[in-house]
Amino acid sequence: MEKIYIFCDSAGDIPREEVERYGIDIVPERITHAGHSFREYYDMTPQQYWDLLESSDEIPTTAQVTPALAMECYERARAAGCTHVVGVMINAAGSGGYQSCGIARAMFYEKYGEDMRIELIDSESYTYIYGRVVVDMCRMRDAGDAFDDIVRIARSRLARSEAILGVYTLKHLKKSGRISGGAAFMGEALGLKPVSLVCAGKVDVIDKARGEKNLIPKVLSHVAKRVVQPEKQTAILLYGKIAPEKLDQIERALLEDLHFAAVHRTPIGISVTTNTGPQAFAVAYHGEQRPVS
């Protein structure tokens, strides 16, 4: 009989209540700021991190999940008597955590043999865009679904997952080196707010809104163009340090204008806001099916 163990890196931004409800093993990335190091998820909340970003001139550095941490995760699964392990990791094109887990898997098999199967999934994404798929996997496991079916469905859902991201200020994109100082200066002078598509391992600027009041409508217009059957899915409203009335505005539009069945709000965590800054939001949804990796 299969006993399935599910883990995710901390960049998946899975809310604590879901982590505890489903027994998800969260393997942390490490953040360093002003000579101090802390673990994402365990040592600081997203809200505390947003405040740190706004008050500091120094951009914190993030360190990927290491093979040693992944090995500890596999050994916890083995000690619990698990027969199957599956982990979902942040986009491998932007972080080496997925590769670290692969190195640890080879180390585990060399030490213990292959009587415990370990599957790794590159989410090709960020934050709760893939974290929610991990939660879905847990629900399937608890409903008695087979391991191979869980992995297959997870890969399929990730190959439909995408998001539209809006950023209110270019300050943090400049500080993190994502855009040049000149581009940031011109963008701020013109009141331009970037709109990006997060899809298939890439974050591409696809549009710009002129002025704050146009950012939400611009993001929603791109969601409307790309979403498939919104009436059959829950939109994920990812948010940083955004005014509650703006979040209410977005949620109403998703329900009333775009006709999503429901909206689930959740904060954006450390890994993404390190680059975007806290004044950002995104809408995640399912679009057209892409080839499954």
Protein backbone atom coordinates (compact mmCIF):
# COMPACT_ATOMS: atom_id res chain seq x y z
CA MET A 1 0.00 0.00 0.00
CA GLU A 2 1.26 3.47 -0.91
CA LYS A 3 2.14 5.93 1.83
CA ILE A 4 2.71 9.29 0.16
CA TYR A 5 4.83 12.16 1.49
CA ILE A 6 4.46 15.61 -0.10
CA PHE A 7 6.88 18.50 0.23
CA CYS A 8 7.35 21.96 -1.24
CA ASP A 9 9.97 24.65 -0.96
CA SER A 10 9.07 27.74 1.05
CA ALA A 11 8.76 29.85 -2.12
CA GLY A 12 5.45 28.12 -2.81
CA ASP A 13 3.89 30.47 -0.23
CA ILE A 14 1.45 27.87 1.07
CA PRO A 15 -0.50 29.38 3.99
CA ARG A 16 0.38 27.97 7.39
CA GLU A 17 -3.12 26.62 8.01
CA GLU A 18 -2.93 24.51 4.83
CA VAL A 19 0.59 23.32 5.65
CA GLU A 20 -0.61 22.12 9.05
CA ARG A 21 -3.90 20.66 7.82
CA TYR A 22 -2.25 18.50 5.16
CA GLY A 23 1.11 17.82 6.81
CA ILE A 24 3.16 19.39 4.01
CA ASP A 25 6.91 19.41 4.60
CA ILE A 26 8.16 22.94 3.83
CA VAL A 27 11.85 23.02 2.92
CA PRO A 28 13.07 26.59 3.49
CA GLU A 29 15.06 28.96 1.38
CA ARG A 30 17.37 31.17 3.41
CA ILE A 31 17.35 34.96 3.37
CA THR A 32 20.28 37.19 4.39
CA HIS A 33 19.91 40.88 5.23
CA ALA A 34 22.30 43.24 7.01
CA GLY A 35 24.41 40.34 8.23
CA HIS A 36 21.47 38.38 9.62
CA SER A 37 20.14 35.14 8.15
CA PHE A 38 16.66 33.68 8.51
CA ARG A 39 14.52 30.92 7.03
CA GLU A 40 11.63 31.77 4.75
CA TYR A 41 8.26 30.62 6.16
CA TYR A 42 9.66 29.72 9.60
CA ASP A 43 11.30 32.92 10.85
CA MET A 44 9.46 35.82 9.22
CA THR A 45 5.98 36.48 7.85
CA PRO A 46 5.43 38.05 4.42
CA GLN A 47 4.02 41.15 6.12
CA GLN A 48 7.15 41.56 8.26
CA TYR A 49 9.30 41.16 5.16
CA TRP A 50 7.35 43.82 3.24
CA ASP A 51 8.08 46.28 6.05
CA LEU A 52 11.76 45.32 6.01
CA LEU A 53 11.97 45.92 2.24
CA GLU A 54 10.36 49.34 2.51
CA SER A 55 12.61 50.47 5.34
CA SER A 56 15.93 49.21 3.97
CA ASP A 57 18.20 50.48 1.21
CA GLU A 58 19.80 47.04 1.00
CA ILE A 59 18.22 44.27 -1.05
CA PRO A 60 18.25 40.98 0.89
CA THR A 61 19.81 37.97 -0.79
CA THR A 62 18.07 34.63 -1.12
CA ALA A 63 19.77 31.23 -1.01
CA GLN A 64 18.19 28.21 -2.67
CA VAL A 65 17.23 24.97 -0.97
CA THR A 66 20.43 22.97 -0.46
CA PRO A 67 21.01 19.24 -1.09
CA ALA A 68 21.50 18.81 2.67
CA LEU A 69 18.06 20.24 3.47
CA ALA A 70 16.44 18.12 0.77
CA MET A 71 18.20 15.02 2.11
CA GLU A 72 16.81 15.74 5.58
CA CYS A 73 13.33 15.92 4.05
CA TYR A 74 13.75 12.52 2.36
CA GLU A 75 15.02 11.01 5.58
CA ARG A 76 11.97 12.35 7.46
CA ALA A 77 9.78 10.62 4.88
CA ARG A 78 11.73 7.38 5.25
CA ALA A 79 11.49 7.54 9.06
CA ALA A 80 7.71 7.96 8.71
CA GLY A 81 7.54 4.74 6.71
CA CYS A 82 6.60 6.40 3.42
CA THR A 83 6.85 4.51 0.15
CA HIS A 84 6.49 7.49 -2.21
CA VAL A 85 7.69 11.11 -2.05
CA VAL A 86 6.83 13.98 -4.36
CA GLY A 87 8.13 17.54 -4.19
CA VAL A 88 7.25 20.65 -6.19
CA MET A 89 9.87 23.37 -6.50
CA ILE A 90 10.17 26.98 -7.62
CA ASN A 91 10.93 27.59 -11.31
CA ALA A 92 14.22 25.80 -12.04
CA ALA A 93 15.16 28.45 -14.61
CA GLY A 94 15.37 31.02 -11.81
CA SER A 95 16.62 28.96 -8.87
CA GLY A 96 18.79 25.93 -8.26
CA GLY A 97 16.51 24.36 -5.66
CA TYR A 98 15.13 21.78 -8.08
CA GLN A 99 18.65 20.69 -9.01
CA SER A 100 19.60 20.49 -5.31
CA CYS A 101 16.69 18.13 -4.70
CA GLY A 102 17.84 15.99 -7.60
CA ILE A 103 21.36 15.79 -6.15
CA ALA A 104 19.91 14.82 -2.77
CA ARG A 105 17.76 12.12 -4.40
CA ALA A 106 20.84 10.50 -5.92
CA MET A 107 22.55 10.67 -2.51
CA PHE A 108 19.52 9.11 -0.84
CA TYR A 109 19.32 6.22 -3.31
CA GLU A 110 23.05 5.56 -2.91
CA LYS A 111 22.72 5.46 0.87
CA TYR A 112 19.38 3.67 1.29
CA GLY A 113 18.55 2.05 -2.03
CA GLU A 114 15.49 2.77 -4.15
CA ASP A 115 12.74 1.20 -2.04
CA MET A 116 11.25 4.70 -1.54
CA ARG A 117 10.33 6.38 -4.83
CA ILE A 118 11.07 10.10 -5.10
CA GLU A 119 9.50 12.27 -7.82
CA LEU A 120 10.46 15.92 -8.34
CA ILE A 121 8.43 18.48 -10.25
CA ASP A 122 9.73 21.76 -11.64
CA SER A 123 6.75 24.08 -11.23
CA GLU A 124 8.09 26.52 -13.84
CA SER A 125 6.40 29.13 -11.67
CA TYR A 126 6.44 31.14 -8.47
CA THR A 127 4.59 31.66 -5.18
CA TYR A 128 1.09 30.19 -4.65
CA ILE A 129 0.68 29.84 -8.41
CA TYR A 130 2.24 26.43 -7.78
CA GLY A 131 1.64 26.23 -4.05
CA ARG A 132 -2.06 25.68 -4.66
CA VAL A 133 -1.25 22.68 -6.88
CA VAL A 134 0.64 21.18 -3.94
CA VAL A 135 -2.47 21.61 -1.80
CA ASP A 136 -4.53 19.92 -4.54
CA MET A 137 -2.08 17.02 -4.48
CA CYS A 138 -2.60 16.63 -0.75
CA ARG A 139 -6.36 16.52 -1.20
CA MET A 140 -5.99 13.84 -3.86
CA ARG A 141 -3.70 11.83 -1.59
CA ASP A 142 -6.15 12.08 1.30
CA ALA A 143 -8.98 10.99 -1.01
CA GLY A 144 -7.03 7.82 -1.79
CA ASP A 145 -5.78 8.62 -5.29
CA ALA A 146 -2.77 6.67 -6.56
CA PHE A 147 0.67 8.27 -6.58
CA ASP A 148 1.08 8.14 -10.36
CA ASP A 149 -2.31 9.81 -10.85
CA ILE A 150 -1.44 12.56 -8.37
CA VAL A 151 1.85 13.31 -10.15
CA ARG A 152 0.24 13.22 -13.60
CA ILE A 153 -2.61 15.56 -12.65
CA ALA A 154 -0.23 17.93 -10.85
CA ARG A 155 1.96 18.23 -13.93
CA SER A 156 -1.10 18.86 -16.08
CA ARG A 157 -2.41 21.59 -13.79
CA LEU A 158 0.98 23.27 -13.62
CA ALA A 159 1.04 23.26 -17.42
CA ARG A 160 -2.16 25.36 -17.35
CA SER A 161 -1.16 27.65 -14.47
CA GLU A 162 -0.20 31.25 -15.15
CA ALA A 163 -0.66 34.72 -13.70
CA ILE A 164 -0.76 38.39 -14.61
CA LEU A 165 1.40 40.54 -12.32
CA GLY A 166 1.05 44.27 -11.72
CA VAL A 167 3.66 46.40 -9.94
CA TYR A 168 2.91 49.88 -8.59
CA THR A 169 6.47 51.16 -8.27
CA LEU A 170 9.70 50.52 -10.16
CA LYS A 171 11.88 51.27 -7.13
CA HIS A 172 12.44 47.68 -6.07
CA LEU A 173 12.83 46.41 -9.64
CA LYS A 174 15.64 48.96 -9.98
CA LYS A 175 17.22 48.04 -6.62
CA SER A 176 17.16 44.33 -7.44
CA GLY A 177 18.72 44.95 -10.86
CA ARG A 178 15.68 43.76 -12.84
CA ILE A 179 15.58 47.07 -14.72
CA SER A 180 18.19 49.80 -15.23
CA GLY A 181 18.23 53.01 -13.29
CA GLY A 182 17.54 54.97 -16.48
CA ALA A 183 14.53 52.85 -17.37
CA ALA A 184 13.20 53.18 -13.84
CA PHE A 185 13.65 56.96 -13.92
CA MET A 186 11.82 57.30 -17.24
CA GLY A 187 9.09 54.90 -16.18
CA GLU A 188 8.45 56.73 -12.93
CA ALA A 189 8.52 60.10 -14.71
CA LEU A 190 5.88 58.90 -17.16
CA GLY A 191 3.86 57.13 -14.47
CA LEU A 192 4.25 53.74 -16.14
CA LYS A 193 3.40 50.57 -14.22
CA PRO A 194 4.60 47.26 -15.71
CA VAL A 195 2.20 44.39 -16.34
CA SER A 196 3.86 40.96 -16.68
CA LEU A 197 2.81 37.49 -17.73
CA VAL A 198 4.10 34.71 -15.46
CA CYS A 199 3.95 31.57 -17.58
CA ALA A 200 6.04 28.52 -18.54
CA GLY A 201 9.10 29.49 -16.53
CA LYS A 202 9.22 33.11 -17.72
CA VAL A 203 8.17 36.53 -16.42
CA ASP A 204 7.69 38.81 -19.42
CA VAL A 205 6.50 42.41 -19.41
CA ILE A 206 3.56 42.40 -21.83
CA ASP A 207 2.07 45.84 -21.22
CA LYS A 208 2.36 49.06 -19.22
CA ALA A 209 -0.38 50.98 -17.45
CA ARG A 210 -0.13 54.75 -17.31
CA GLY A 211 -0.91 55.84 -13.76
CA GLU A 212 -1.97 53.87 -10.70
CA LYS A 213 -5.69 53.99 -11.44
CA ASN A 214 -5.16 52.13 -14.73
CA LEU A 215 -3.08 49.26 -13.36
CA ILE A 216 -5.92 47.13 -12.02
CA PRO A 217 -8.05 47.43 -15.19
CA LYS A 218 -5.01 46.65 -17.34
CA VAL A 219 -4.16 43.50 -15.34
CA LEU A 220 -7.77 42.34 -15.44
CA SER A 221 -8.01 42.89 -19.20
CA HIS A 222 -5.08 40.52 -19.74
CA VAL A 223 -6.56 37.94 -17.39
CA ALA A 224 -9.80 38.10 -19.39
CA LYS A 225 -7.91 37.46 -22.64
CA ARG A 226 -6.03 34.40 -21.36
CA VAL A 227 -8.26 32.61 -18.84
CA VAL A 228 -10.12 29.47 -19.95
CA GLN A 229 -13.59 28.78 -18.51
CA PRO A 230 -13.33 31.10 -15.49
CA GLU A 231 -16.78 30.02 -14.33
CA LYS A 232 -15.28 26.60 -13.50
CA GLN A 233 -12.29 27.79 -11.50
CA THR A 234 -11.12 29.77 -8.50
CA ALA A 235 -8.98 32.82 -9.20
CA ILE A 236 -6.01 33.29 -6.88
CA LEU A 237 -5.55 36.91 -5.84
CA LEU A 238 -1.93 37.27 -4.74
CA TYR A 239 -1.12 40.50 -2.96
CA GLY A 240 1.65 42.47 -1.34
CA LYS A 241 1.24 45.65 0.66
CA ILE A 242 -1.90 46.71 -1.22
CA ALA A 243 -4.78 48.75 0.22
CA PRO A 244 -7.76 46.54 1.20
CA GLU A 245 -10.14 48.60 -0.94
CA LYS A 246 -8.03 47.86 -4.02
CA LEU A 247 -8.12 44.13 -3.25
CA ASP A 248 -11.89 44.38 -2.84
CA GLN A 249 -12.09 46.12 -6.22
CA ILE A 250 -10.09 43.34 -7.90
CA GLU A 251 -12.13 40.59 -6.25
CA ARG A 252 -15.45 42.16 -7.29
CA ALA A 253 -14.27 42.46 -10.87
CA LEU A 254 -13.06 38.84 -10.95
CA LEU A 255 -16.44 37.62 -9.72
CA GLU A 256 -18.82 40.02 -11.44
CA ASP A 257 -17.05 40.93 -14.68
CA LEU A 258 -14.81 37.95 -15.41
CA HIS A 259 -17.26 35.44 -13.85
CA PHE A 260 -14.84 33.35 -11.82
CA ALA A 261 -16.60 30.82 -9.59
CA ALA A 262 -14.66 32.05 -6.54
CA VAL A 263 -11.64 34.09 -5.47
CA HIS A 264 -9.00 33.03 -2.97
CA ARG A 265 -6.71 35.71 -1.48
CA THR A 266 -3.21 34.93 -0.26
CA PRO A 267 -0.09 37.05 0.36
CA ILE A 268 2.96 37.04 -1.87
CA GLY A 269 5.99 35.77 0.00
CA ILE A 270 9.64 36.63 0.27
CA SER A 271 11.06 35.12 -2.91
CA VAL A 272 8.87 37.15 -5.26
CA THR A 273 8.67 40.43 -3.35
CA THR A 274 12.46 40.53 -3.07
CA ASN A 275 12.37 41.41 -6.77
CA THR A 276 9.00 43.11 -7.27
CA GLY A 277 8.83 44.95 -3.98
CA PRO A 278 5.78 44.75 -1.70
CA GLN A 279 3.58 47.06 -3.80
CA ALA A 280 2.54 44.38 -6.24
CA PHE A 281 -0.36 42.05 -6.90
CA ALA A 282 -1.14 39.21 -9.29
CA VAL A 283 -4.10 37.16 -10.46
CA ALA A 284 -3.38 33.46 -11.02
CA TYR A 285 -5.69 31.27 -13.09
CA HIS A 286 -5.75 28.36 -15.52
CA GLY A 287 -5.18 29.16 -19.17
CA GLU A 288 -4.62 27.05 -22.27
CA GLN A 289 -3.00 23.66 -21.76
CA ARG A 290 0.72 23.67 -22.54
CA PRO A 291 2.81 20.56 -23.24
CA VAL A 292 3.39 18.64 -20.02
CA SER A 293 7.07 18.33 -19.11
